[in-house]
Amino acid sequence: MTWLVIAALVLYASAFLVTMAYNVPLNREFDSVSLSAVNLTAERSAYEDRWNTGNLIRTLLSISAIASLAVALVLERLGRAASESGRG
């Protein structure tokens, strides 16, 4: 079960790294777009696909982290229940 908790931490840290290395720079890039000089629809189209890709990756990593913790919790409870019934 400990390996599931470690996996969850690694997955969550990976999601955070994707956010900081990919999504945040894209947000800053988009913030710097001049509203008067650029066709915003075209600019958003180019930006949105890249941002959505990063967001999908970090979402899947976060869901996997939560799932790992949930499985670890269930296994821990099952282990406790089995040891308590054996003492009985």
N, C-alpha and C. Protein backbone atom coordinates (compact mmCIF):
# COMPACT_ATOMS: atom_id res chain seq x y z
N MET A 1 0.82 -1.20 0.00
CA MET A 1 0.00 0.00 0.00
C MET A 1 0.85 1.26 0.00
N THR A 2 2.01 1.17 0.62
CA THR A 2 2.89 2.33 0.65
C THR A 2 3.26 2.77 -0.76
N TRP A 3 3.45 1.79 -1.65
CA TRP A 3 3.82 2.13 -3.02
C TRP A 3 2.70 2.90 -3.71
N LEU A 4 1.44 2.65 -3.33
CA LEU A 4 0.33 3.41 -3.92
C LEU A 4 0.35 4.87 -3.46
N VAL A 5 0.70 5.08 -2.22
CA VAL A 5 0.79 6.46 -1.71
C VAL A 5 1.96 7.18 -2.38
N ILE A 6 3.07 6.49 -2.54
CA ILE A 6 4.22 7.08 -3.24
C ILE A 6 3.86 7.38 -4.69
N ALA A 7 3.17 6.45 -5.33
CA ALA A 7 2.73 6.68 -6.72
C ALA A 7 1.81 7.90 -6.80
N ALA A 8 0.92 8.04 -5.84
CA ALA A 8 0.01 9.19 -5.82
C ALA A 8 0.79 10.49 -5.69
N LEU A 9 1.79 10.50 -4.83
CA LEU A 9 2.61 11.71 -4.66
C LEU A 9 3.37 12.04 -5.94
N VAL A 10 3.91 11.03 -6.59
CA VAL A 10 4.64 11.25 -7.85
C VAL A 10 3.69 11.75 -8.93
N LEU A 11 2.50 11.17 -9.01
CA LEU A 11 1.52 11.60 -10.00
C LEU A 11 1.07 13.04 -9.75
N TYR A 12 0.82 13.37 -8.50
CA TYR A 12 0.39 14.73 -8.18
C TYR A 12 1.51 15.73 -8.45
N ALA A 13 2.74 15.38 -8.10
CA ALA A 13 3.88 16.25 -8.38
C ALA A 13 4.05 16.44 -9.89
N SER A 14 3.81 15.39 -10.65
CA SER A 14 3.89 15.49 -12.11
C SER A 14 2.83 16.43 -12.65
N ALA A 15 1.63 16.35 -12.11
CA ALA A 15 0.56 17.26 -12.53
C ALA A 15 0.94 18.71 -12.22
N PHE A 16 1.53 18.93 -11.06
CA PHE A 16 1.97 20.27 -10.69
C PHE A 16 3.05 20.77 -11.64
N LEU A 17 3.99 19.89 -11.98
CA LEU A 17 5.05 20.28 -12.91
C LEU A 17 4.51 20.62 -14.29
N VAL A 18 3.54 19.85 -14.76
CA VAL A 18 2.91 20.17 -16.05
C VAL A 18 2.27 21.55 -15.98
N THR A 19 1.61 21.84 -14.89
CA THR A 19 0.98 23.15 -14.71
C THR A 19 2.03 24.26 -14.78
N MET A 20 3.10 24.10 -14.02
CA MET A 20 4.11 25.16 -13.94
C MET A 20 4.95 25.28 -15.21
N ALA A 21 5.23 24.15 -15.86
CA ALA A 21 6.11 24.17 -17.03
C ALA A 21 5.37 24.39 -18.34
N TYR A 22 4.08 24.11 -18.36
CA TYR A 22 3.35 24.15 -19.62
C TYR A 22 2.20 25.15 -19.59
N ASN A 23 1.26 24.98 -18.68
CA ASN A 23 0.07 25.82 -18.68
C ASN A 23 0.34 27.26 -18.25
N VAL A 24 1.12 27.45 -17.20
CA VAL A 24 1.40 28.81 -16.73
C VAL A 24 2.12 29.64 -17.79
N PRO A 25 3.17 29.10 -18.45
CA PRO A 25 3.79 29.89 -19.52
C PRO A 25 2.82 30.22 -20.66
N LEU A 26 1.94 29.29 -20.99
CA LEU A 26 0.94 29.57 -22.03
C LEU A 26 -0.01 30.68 -21.57
N ASN A 27 -0.40 30.66 -20.32
CA ASN A 27 -1.26 31.72 -19.79
C ASN A 27 -0.57 33.07 -19.88
N ARG A 28 0.70 33.10 -19.53
CA ARG A 28 1.46 34.36 -19.60
C ARG A 28 1.59 34.84 -21.04
N GLU A 29 1.83 33.89 -21.94
CA GLU A 29 1.92 34.23 -23.36
C GLU A 29 0.61 34.83 -23.85
N PHE A 30 -0.49 34.23 -23.48
CA PHE A 30 -1.79 34.72 -23.92
C PHE A 30 -2.10 36.08 -23.30
N ASP A 31 -1.69 36.28 -22.06
CA ASP A 31 -1.90 37.58 -21.40
C ASP A 31 -1.17 38.71 -22.11
N SER A 32 -0.07 38.38 -22.79
CA SER A 32 0.72 39.42 -23.45
C SER A 32 0.20 39.79 -24.84
N VAL A 33 -0.83 39.11 -25.31
CA VAL A 33 -1.39 39.41 -26.64
C VAL A 33 -2.04 40.79 -26.61
N SER A 34 -1.71 41.58 -27.60
CA SER A 34 -2.30 42.92 -27.71
C SER A 34 -3.72 42.80 -28.23
N LEU A 35 -4.65 43.36 -27.50
CA LEU A 35 -6.06 43.27 -27.89
C LEU A 35 -6.36 44.03 -29.17
N SER A 36 -5.63 45.07 -29.44
CA SER A 36 -5.94 45.89 -30.61
C SER A 36 -5.22 45.43 -31.87
N ALA A 37 -4.13 44.70 -31.74
CA ALA A 37 -3.30 44.41 -32.90
C ALA A 37 -3.51 43.02 -33.49
N VAL A 38 -4.25 42.18 -32.83
CA VAL A 38 -4.31 40.78 -33.25
C VAL A 38 -5.76 40.34 -33.40
N ASN A 39 -5.98 39.45 -34.34
CA ASN A 39 -7.29 38.82 -34.45
C ASN A 39 -7.41 37.82 -33.30
N LEU A 40 -8.19 38.17 -32.30
CA LEU A 40 -8.26 37.36 -31.08
C LEU A 40 -8.82 35.96 -31.31
N THR A 41 -9.71 35.82 -32.27
CA THR A 41 -10.26 34.49 -32.55
C THR A 41 -9.16 33.55 -33.03
N ALA A 42 -8.34 34.01 -33.94
CA ALA A 42 -7.24 33.19 -34.45
C ALA A 42 -6.22 32.92 -33.35
N GLU A 43 -5.92 33.93 -32.57
CA GLU A 43 -4.95 33.78 -31.48
C GLU A 43 -5.45 32.77 -30.44
N ARG A 44 -6.72 32.87 -30.12
CA ARG A 44 -7.29 31.94 -29.13
C ARG A 44 -7.28 30.52 -29.68
N SER A 45 -7.60 30.34 -30.94
CA SER A 45 -7.59 29.00 -31.54
C SER A 45 -6.22 28.36 -31.43
N ALA A 46 -5.19 29.12 -31.74
CA ALA A 46 -3.83 28.58 -31.67
C ALA A 46 -3.45 28.26 -30.23
N TYR A 47 -3.87 29.08 -29.32
CA TYR A 47 -3.54 28.91 -27.90
C TYR A 47 -4.35 27.79 -27.26
N GLU A 48 -5.63 27.74 -27.57
CA GLU A 48 -6.55 26.85 -26.86
C GLU A 48 -6.20 25.38 -27.03
N ASP A 49 -5.83 24.96 -28.23
CA ASP A 49 -5.49 23.56 -28.45
C ASP A 49 -4.28 23.14 -27.62
N ARG A 50 -3.27 23.99 -27.57
CA ARG A 50 -2.07 23.67 -26.78
C ARG A 50 -2.40 23.64 -25.29
N TRP A 51 -3.19 24.61 -24.84
CA TRP A 51 -3.53 24.68 -23.42
C TRP A 51 -4.38 23.47 -23.02
N ASN A 52 -5.34 23.11 -23.87
CA ASN A 52 -6.20 21.96 -23.56
C ASN A 52 -5.41 20.66 -23.48
N THR A 53 -4.38 20.53 -24.30
CA THR A 53 -3.53 19.34 -24.23
C THR A 53 -2.85 19.24 -22.87
N GLY A 54 -2.26 20.34 -22.43
CA GLY A 54 -1.63 20.36 -21.10
C GLY A 54 -2.63 20.12 -19.99
N ASN A 55 -3.81 20.70 -20.14
CA ASN A 55 -4.84 20.53 -19.12
C ASN A 55 -5.33 19.08 -19.05
N LEU A 56 -5.45 18.43 -20.20
CA LEU A 56 -5.85 17.02 -20.22
C LEU A 56 -4.81 16.16 -19.51
N ILE A 57 -3.54 16.43 -19.78
CA ILE A 57 -2.47 15.65 -19.14
C ILE A 57 -2.51 15.83 -17.62
N ARG A 58 -2.61 17.06 -17.17
CA ARG A 58 -2.61 17.27 -15.71
C ARG A 58 -3.88 16.75 -15.06
N THR A 59 -5.00 16.78 -15.77
CA THR A 59 -6.24 16.22 -15.23
C THR A 59 -6.12 14.71 -15.07
N LEU A 60 -5.59 14.03 -16.08
CA LEU A 60 -5.41 12.58 -16.00
C LEU A 60 -4.42 12.20 -14.89
N LEU A 61 -3.36 12.98 -14.74
CA LEU A 61 -2.41 12.72 -13.66
C LEU A 61 -3.07 12.91 -12.29
N SER A 62 -3.87 13.95 -12.15
CA SER A 62 -4.54 14.21 -10.87
C SER A 62 -5.56 13.13 -10.54
N ILE A 63 -6.33 12.71 -11.53
CA ILE A 63 -7.31 11.64 -11.32
C ILE A 63 -6.59 10.35 -10.93
N SER A 64 -5.48 10.07 -11.58
CA SER A 64 -4.71 8.86 -11.25
C SER A 64 -4.17 8.94 -9.82
N ALA A 65 -3.74 10.12 -9.40
CA ALA A 65 -3.25 10.29 -8.03
C ALA A 65 -4.35 10.02 -7.02
N ILE A 66 -5.52 10.58 -7.26
CA ILE A 66 -6.65 10.37 -6.34
C ILE A 66 -7.07 8.90 -6.33
N ALA A 67 -7.08 8.27 -7.51
CA ALA A 67 -7.44 6.85 -7.58
C ALA A 67 -6.44 6.00 -6.81
N SER A 68 -5.16 6.33 -6.90
CA SER A 68 -4.13 5.59 -6.15
C SER A 68 -4.35 5.71 -4.65
N LEU A 69 -4.67 6.92 -4.20
CA LEU A 69 -4.94 7.10 -2.77
C LEU A 69 -6.20 6.35 -2.34
N ALA A 70 -7.22 6.36 -3.18
CA ALA A 70 -8.46 5.65 -2.85
C ALA A 70 -8.22 4.15 -2.74
N VAL A 71 -7.47 3.59 -3.67
CA VAL A 71 -7.16 2.16 -3.62
C VAL A 71 -6.32 1.85 -2.38
N ALA A 72 -5.36 2.70 -2.07
CA ALA A 72 -4.55 2.49 -0.86
C ALA A 72 -5.42 2.49 0.39
N LEU A 73 -6.37 3.41 0.44
CA LEU A 73 -7.27 3.49 1.60
C LEU A 73 -8.13 2.23 1.71
N VAL A 74 -8.68 1.78 0.60
CA VAL A 74 -9.52 0.57 0.62
C VAL A 74 -8.69 -0.63 1.06
N LEU A 75 -7.50 -0.77 0.49
CA LEU A 75 -6.64 -1.91 0.87
C LEU A 75 -6.25 -1.85 2.35
N GLU A 76 -6.00 -0.66 2.85
CA GLU A 76 -5.67 -0.49 4.27
C GLU A 76 -6.84 -0.93 5.15
N ARG A 77 -8.03 -0.50 4.78
CA ARG A 77 -9.21 -0.87 5.58
C ARG A 77 -9.49 -2.37 5.50
N LEU A 78 -9.32 -2.94 4.32
CA LEU A 78 -9.51 -4.39 4.19
C LEU A 78 -8.49 -5.15 5.02
N GLY A 79 -7.25 -4.67 5.02
CA GLY A 79 -6.20 -5.31 5.82
C GLY A 79 -6.50 -5.22 7.31
N ARG A 80 -6.99 -4.08 7.75
CA ARG A 80 -7.34 -3.93 9.17
C ARG A 80 -8.51 -4.83 9.54
N ALA A 81 -9.51 -4.88 8.67
CA ALA A 81 -10.68 -5.72 8.95
C ALA A 81 -10.28 -7.18 9.03
N ALA A 82 -9.40 -7.62 8.15
CA ALA A 82 -8.95 -9.01 8.16
C ALA A 82 -8.15 -9.32 9.42
N SER A 83 -7.30 -8.39 9.84
CA SER A 83 -6.50 -8.66 11.04
C SER A 83 -7.36 -8.62 12.30
N GLU A 84 -8.38 -7.76 12.32
CA GLU A 84 -9.27 -7.71 13.48
C GLU A 84 -10.15 -8.95 13.57
N SER A 85 -10.60 -9.47 12.42
CA SER A 85 -11.44 -10.67 12.46
C SER A 85 -10.61 -11.90 12.82
N GLY A 86 -9.33 -11.87 12.53
CA GLY A 86 -8.44 -12.98 12.89
C GLY A 86 -8.14 -13.03 14.38
N ARG A 87 -8.25 -11.88 15.03
CA ARG A 87 -7.98 -11.82 16.48
C ARG A 87 -9.17 -12.31 17.29
N GLY A 88 -10.33 -12.20 16.69
CA GLY A 88 -11.56 -12.40 17.26
C GLY A 88 -12.05 -13.24 18.25
